[in-house]
C-alpha atoms as a PDB file:
ATOM      1  CA  MET A   1     103.722  60.331 112.688  1.00  0.00           C
ATOM      2  CA  ASN A   2     105.510  58.360 115.368  1.00  0.00           C
ATOM      3  CA  VAL A   3     106.802  60.513 118.210  1.00  0.00           C
ATOM      4  CA  SER A   4     108.778  58.576 120.746  1.00  0.00           C
ATOM      5  CA  HIS A   5     110.450  59.887 123.842  1.00  0.00           C
ATOM      6  CA  PRO A   6     114.238  59.954 123.636  1.00  0.00           C
ATOM      7  CA  ARG A   7     116.224  57.520 125.710  1.00  0.00           C
ATOM      8  CA  THR A   8     119.587  59.304 125.856  1.00  0.00           C
ATOM      9  CA  PRO A   9     120.365  62.318 128.067  1.00  0.00           C
ATOM     10  CA  ALA A  10     121.115  64.467 125.001  1.00  0.00           C
ATOM     11  CA  GLY A  11     117.865  63.326 123.388  1.00  0.00           C
ATOM     12  CA  MET A  12     115.928  64.104 126.568  1.00  0.00           C
ATOM     13  CA  ILE A  13     117.421  67.597 126.734  1.00  0.00           C
ATOM     14  CA  GLY A  14     116.587  68.236 123.078  1.00  0.00           C
ATOM     15  CA  TRP A  15     113.045  66.905 123.533  1.00  0.00           C
ATOM     16  CA  SER A  16     112.591  69.104 126.646  1.00  0.00           C
ATOM     17  CA  ILE A  17     113.816  72.184 124.822  1.00  0.00           C
ATOM     18  CA  PHE A  18     111.478  71.467 121.917  1.00  0.00           C
ATOM     19  CA  ALA A  19     108.547  70.820 124.271  1.00  0.00           C
ATOM     20  CA  SER A  20     109.236  74.078 126.140  1.00  0.00           C
ATOM     21  CA  ARG A  21     107.589  76.007 123.304  1.00  0.00           C
ATOM     22  CA  TRP A  22     104.270  75.123 124.954  1.00  0.00           C
ATOM     23  CA  VAL A  23     105.191  77.428 127.845  1.00  0.00           C
ATOM     24  CA  GLN A  24     104.164  80.253 125.486  1.00  0.00           C
ATOM     25  CA  ALA A  25     100.591  78.954 125.022  1.00  0.00           C
ATOM     26  CA  PRO A  26      99.280  80.703 128.183  1.00  0.00           C
ATOM     27  CA  LEU A  27     100.707  83.976 126.845  1.00  0.00           C
ATOM     28  CA  TYR A  28      98.544  83.700 123.740  1.00  0.00           C
ATOM     29  CA  ILE A  29      95.518  82.862 125.888  1.00  0.00           C
ATOM     30  CA  GLY A  30      96.277  86.030 127.891  1.00  0.00           C
ATOM     31  CA  LEU A  31      96.342  88.023 124.662  1.00  0.00           C
ATOM     32  CA  ILE A  32      92.915  86.591 123.811  1.00  0.00           C
ATOM     33  CA  ALA A  33      91.712  87.962 127.180  1.00  0.00           C
ATOM     34  CA  ALA A  34      93.225  91.352 126.226  1.00  0.00           C
ATOM     35  CA  GLN A  35      91.355  91.120 122.914  1.00  0.00           C
ATOM     36  CA  ILE A  36      88.087  90.646 124.816  1.00  0.00           C
ATOM     37  CA  ILE A  37      88.876  93.728 126.915  1.00  0.00           C
ATOM     38  CA  TYR A  38      89.370  95.737 123.700  1.00  0.00           C
ATOM     39  CA  VAL A  39      86.018  94.490 122.370  1.00  0.00           C
ATOM     40  CA  VAL A  40      84.319  95.722 125.555  1.00  0.00           C
ATOM     41  CA  LYS A  41      86.170  99.064 125.315  1.00  0.00           C
ATOM     42  CA  PHE A  42      85.102  99.434 121.682  1.00  0.00           C
ATOM     43  CA  TRP A  43      81.417  98.831 122.462  1.00  0.00           C
ATOM     44  CA  LYS A  44      81.461 101.184 125.455  1.00  0.00           C
ATOM     45  CA  GLU A  45      82.924 103.956 123.296  1.00  0.00           C
ATOM     46  CA  LEU A  46      80.500 103.243 120.455  1.00  0.00           C
ATOM     47  CA  VAL A  47      77.483 103.309 122.787  1.00  0.00           C
ATOM     48  CA  HIS A  48      78.795 106.560 124.318  1.00  0.00           C
ATOM     49  CA  LEU A  49      79.109 108.048 120.807  1.00  0.00           C
ATOM     50  CA  VAL A  50      75.622 106.956 119.749  1.00  0.00           C
ATOM     51  CA  VAL A  51      73.897 108.028 122.974  1.00  0.00           C
ATOM     52  CA  ASP A  52      75.657 111.390 123.345  1.00  0.00           C
ATOM     53  CA  PHE A  53      76.383 112.305 119.722  1.00  0.00           C
ATOM     54  CA  SER A  54      74.151 115.373 119.806  1.00  0.00           C
ATOM     55  CA  SER A  55      76.300 116.933 122.527  1.00  0.00           C
ATOM     56  CA  PHE A  56      79.542 116.417 120.556  1.00  0.00           C
ATOM     57  CA  ASP A  57      81.031 118.888 118.143  1.00  0.00           C
ATOM     58  CA  GLU A  58      82.617 117.680 114.896  1.00  0.00           C
ATOM     59  CA  ASN A  59      86.100 117.377 116.405  1.00  0.00           C
ATOM     60  CA  ALA A  60      84.813 115.339 119.347  1.00  0.00           C
ATOM     61  CA  ILE A  61      83.010 112.967 116.985  1.00  0.00           C
ATOM     62  CA  MET A  62      86.103 112.658 114.810  1.00  0.00           C
ATOM     63  CA  LEU A  63      88.337 111.993 117.827  1.00  0.00           C
ATOM     64  CA  THR A  64      85.925 109.362 119.146  1.00  0.00           C
ATOM     65  CA  VAL A  65      85.720 107.646 115.747  1.00  0.00           C
ATOM     66  CA  LEU A  66      89.515 107.708 115.469  1.00  0.00           C
ATOM     67  CA  GLY A  67      89.614 106.136 118.923  1.00  0.00           C
ATOM     68  CA  LEU A  68      87.336 103.361 117.631  1.00  0.00           C
ATOM     69  CA  VAL A  69      89.577 102.847 114.603  1.00  0.00           C
ATOM     70  CA  ASP A  70      92.562 102.746 116.937  1.00  0.00           C
ATOM     71  CA  VAL A  71      90.934 100.008 119.035  1.00  0.00           C
ATOM     72  CA  VAL A  72      90.194  97.985 115.881  1.00  0.00           C
ATOM     73  CA  MET A  73      93.784  98.347 114.664  1.00  0.00           C
ATOM     74  CA  ILE A  74      95.137  97.253 118.037  1.00  0.00           C
ATOM     75  CA  ALA A  75      92.746  94.283 117.949  1.00  0.00           C
ATOM     76  CA  ASN A  76      94.061  93.414 114.465  1.00  0.00           C
ATOM     77  CA  LEU A  77      97.599  93.617 115.811  1.00  0.00           C
ATOM     78  CA  LEU A  78      96.628  91.279 118.646  1.00  0.00           C
ATOM     79  CA  ILE A  79      95.156  88.775 116.180  1.00  0.00           C
ATOM     80  CA  MET A  80      98.363  88.824 114.132  1.00  0.00           C
ATOM     81  CA  VAL A  81     100.449  88.236 117.243  1.00  0.00           C
ATOM     82  CA  ILE A  82      98.150  85.532 118.617  1.00  0.00           C
ATOM     83  CA  ILE A  83      97.673  83.546 115.417  1.00  0.00           C
ATOM     84  CA  GLY A  84     101.026  84.264 113.803  1.00  0.00           C
ATOM     85  CA  GLY A  85     103.040  83.821 116.981  1.00  0.00           C
ATOM     86  CA  TYR A  86     101.304  80.599 117.959  1.00  0.00           C
ATOM     87  CA  GLU A  87     101.624  79.222 114.424  1.00  0.00           C
ATOM     88  CA  THR A  88     105.282  80.247 114.139  1.00  0.00           C
ATOM     89  CA  PHE A  89     106.583  79.417 117.594  1.00  0.00           C
ATOM     90  CA  VAL A  90     104.255  76.880 119.258  1.00  0.00           C
ATOM     91  CA  SER A  91     102.293  74.624 116.915  1.00  0.00           C
ATOM     92  CA  ARG A  92     100.483  74.536 113.577  1.00  0.00           C
ATOM     93  CA  ILE A  93      96.843  75.576 113.783  1.00  0.00           C
ATOM     94  CA  ARG A  94      95.815  73.249 110.921  1.00  0.00           C
ATOM     95  CA  MET A  95      93.253  75.445 109.212  1.00  0.00           C
ATOM     96  CA  ASP A  96      94.076  74.185 105.707  1.00  0.00           C
ATOM     97  CA  ASN A  97      91.243  74.823 103.237  1.00  0.00           C
ATOM     98  CA  HIS A  98      89.101  76.542 105.873  1.00  0.00           C
ATOM     99  CA  PRO A  99      87.155  79.333 104.127  1.00  0.00           C
ATOM    100  CA  ASP A 100      87.928  81.802 106.931  1.00  0.00           C
ATOM    101  CA  GLN A 101      91.675  81.180 107.044  1.00  0.00           C
ATOM    102  CA  PRO A 102      93.513  84.517 106.781  1.00  0.00           C
ATOM    103  CA  GLU A 103      95.441  84.768 103.509  1.00  0.00           C
ATOM    104  CA  TRP A 104      98.684  85.647 105.253  1.00  0.00           C
ATOM    105  CA  LEU A 105      98.586  82.576 107.511  1.00  0.00           C
ATOM    106  CA  SER A 106      99.573  80.238 104.675  1.00  0.00           C
ATOM    107  CA  HIS A 107     103.010  81.836 104.410  1.00  0.00           C
ATOM    108  CA  VAL A 108     103.648  83.132 107.917  1.00  0.00           C
ATOM    109  CA  ASN A 109     107.134  82.983 109.369  1.00  0.00           C
ATOM    110  CA  ALA A 110     109.060  85.091 111.857  1.00  0.00           C
ATOM    111  CA  ASN A 111     110.201  87.616 109.218  1.00  0.00           C
ATOM    112  CA  VAL A 112     106.753  88.044 107.653  1.00  0.00           C
ATOM    113  CA  LEU A 113     105.262  88.413 111.133  1.00  0.00           C
ATOM    114  CA  LYS A 114     107.798  91.122 112.061  1.00  0.00           C
ATOM    115  CA  VAL A 115     107.030  93.138 108.928  1.00  0.00           C
ATOM    116  CA  LYS A 116     103.255  92.806 109.400  1.00  0.00           C
ATOM    117  CA  LEU A 117     103.558  93.838 113.051  1.00  0.00           C
ATOM    118  CA  ALA A 118     105.754  96.807 112.143  1.00  0.00           C
ATOM    119  CA  MET A 119     103.214  97.943 109.548  1.00  0.00           C
ATOM    120  CA  ALA A 120     100.380  97.552 112.079  1.00  0.00           C
ATOM    121  CA  ILE A 121     102.341  99.616 114.614  1.00  0.00           C
ATOM    122  CA  VAL A 122     102.849 102.328 111.985  1.00  0.00           C
ATOM    123  CA  GLY A 123      99.105 102.318 111.324  1.00  0.00           C
ATOM    124  CA  ILE A 124      98.303 102.600 115.021  1.00  0.00           C
ATOM    125  CA  SER A 125     100.899 105.330 115.438  1.00  0.00           C
ATOM    126  CA  SER A 126      99.385 107.180 112.456  1.00  0.00           C
ATOM    127  CA  ILE A 127      95.966 107.179 114.113  1.00  0.00           C
ATOM    128  CA  HIS A 128      97.467 108.450 117.383  1.00  0.00           C
ATOM    129  CA  LEU A 129      99.352 111.183 115.552  1.00  0.00           C
ATOM    130  CA  LEU A 130      96.242 112.225 113.629  1.00  0.00           C
ATOM    131  CA  LYS A 131      94.317 112.405 116.911  1.00  0.00           C
ATOM    132  CA  THR A 132      97.143 114.518 118.359  1.00  0.00           C
ATOM    133  CA  PHE A 133      97.055 116.930 115.399  1.00  0.00           C
ATOM    134  CA  ILE A 134      93.268 117.289 115.641  1.00  0.00           C
ATOM    135  CA  GLU A 135      93.377 117.771 119.401  1.00  0.00           C
ATOM    136  CA  TYR A 136      96.320 120.201 119.162  1.00  0.00           C
ATOM    137  CA  GLY A 137      94.257 122.377 116.827  1.00  0.00           C
ATOM    138  CA  THR A 138      91.532 122.895 119.439  1.00  0.00           C
ATOM    139  CA  HIS A 139      91.526 125.642 122.046  1.00  0.00           C
ATOM    140  CA  GLU A 140      91.099 123.274 124.985  1.00  0.00           C
ATOM    141  CA  SER A 141      94.164 121.197 124.070  1.00  0.00           C
ATOM    142  CA  GLU A 142      96.705 120.689 126.826  1.00  0.00           C
ATOM    143  CA  LEU A 143      99.349 119.454 124.374  1.00  0.00           C
ATOM    144  CA  THR A 144     102.531 121.453 123.921  1.00  0.00           C
ATOM    145  CA  SER A 145     104.350 121.857 120.635  1.00  0.00           C
ATOM    146  CA  THR A 146     107.233 119.855 122.138  1.00  0.00           C
ATOM    147  CA  GLU A 147     104.899 116.918 122.830  1.00  0.00           C
ATOM    148  CA  VAL A 148     103.562 117.066 119.269  1.00  0.00           C
ATOM    149  CA  MET A 149     107.110 117.234 117.914  1.00  0.00           C
ATOM    150  CA  TRP A 150     108.192 114.166 119.922  1.00  0.00           C
ATOM    151  CA  GLN A 151     105.128 112.200 118.863  1.00  0.00           C
ATOM    152  CA  THR A 152     105.966 113.031 115.244  1.00  0.00           C
ATOM    153  CA  ILE A 153     109.604 111.991 115.716  1.00  0.00           C
ATOM    154  CA  ILE A 154     108.547 108.730 117.367  1.00  0.00           C
ATOM    155  CA  HIS A 155     106.079 108.053 114.551  1.00  0.00           C
ATOM    156  CA  MET A 156     108.756 108.681 111.912  1.00  0.00           C
ATOM    157  CA  THR A 157     111.041 106.293 113.801  1.00  0.00           C
ATOM    158  CA  PHE A 158     108.315 103.629 113.554  1.00  0.00           C
ATOM    159  CA  VAL A 159     107.936 104.345 109.819  1.00  0.00           C
ATOM    160  CA  LEU A 160     111.676 104.097 109.179  1.00  0.00           C
ATOM    161  CA  SER A 161     111.893 100.913 111.255  1.00  0.00           C
ATOM    162  CA  ALA A 162     109.048  99.317 109.293  1.00  0.00           C
ATOM    163  CA  ILE A 163     110.674 100.290 105.991  1.00  0.00           C
ATOM    164  CA  GLY A 164     113.979  98.873 107.228  1.00  0.00           C
ATOM    165  CA  LEU A 165     112.394  95.594 108.307  1.00  0.00           C
ATOM    166  CA  ALA A 166     110.540  95.280 104.993  1.00  0.00           C
ATOM    167  CA  TYR A 167     113.731  95.986 103.049  1.00  0.00           C
ATOM    168  CA  ILE A 168     115.725  93.458 105.081  1.00  0.00           C
ATOM    169  CA  ASP A 169     112.986  90.839 104.651  1.00  0.00           C
ATOM    170  CA  ARG A 170     112.899  91.453 100.895  1.00  0.00           C
ATOM    171  CA  TYR A 171     116.703  91.378 100.682  1.00  0.00           C
ATOM    172  CA  LEU A 172     116.964  88.134 102.657  1.00  0.00           C
ATOM    173  CA  SER A 173     113.982  86.485 100.901  1.00  0.00           C
ATOM    174  CA  PRO A 174     114.145  87.470  97.228  1.00  0.00           C
ATOM    175  CA  THR A 175     111.250  86.351  95.044  1.00  0.00           C
ATOM    176  CA  LYS A 176     111.453  84.774  91.583  1.00  0.00           C
ATOM    177  CA  ASP A 177     110.418  88.135  90.126  1.00  0.00           C
ATOM    178  CA  ASP A 178     113.638  89.689  91.456  1.00  0.00           C
ATOM    179  CA  GLY A 179     115.626  87.833  88.771  1.00  0.00           C
ATOM    180  CA  LEU A 180     117.449  85.702  91.298  1.00  0.00           C
END
């Protein structure tokens, strides 16, 4: 592949605009740092659970485990954004035929990434809502019914948004099985 620098002003502007995608690379590196912070948070919570499990009641254990699941789901979301965003908007990662290449990476584009992110957000929101319901059922809960209602409404908004994005993606990108 021969990449030469343009010699005309219009060519230089176009080349500069195309090259500006690399400005995003530090953002993805920052998200990797955030991923590391989530790994540390996960291990601190897990050690706390293991060391102090005998002093926890069933609800406390369940809430802690849901917190761990939440951290994992957020970490998965970060991976999708880091890998998918970099691959879609900055540069190809070139992992062809690597045994650890995520299945979804072979067909990632902006629309697929949006749908996957929306589904991940719904999953994360589901965990938060489940934690809210469990906590709300305890006597020491400081949550009000209004707060629970708004969390439920916000979650349903995420669900409807994800369904809408998936429908739009399917409508704009019909498959051969759709008869088109």
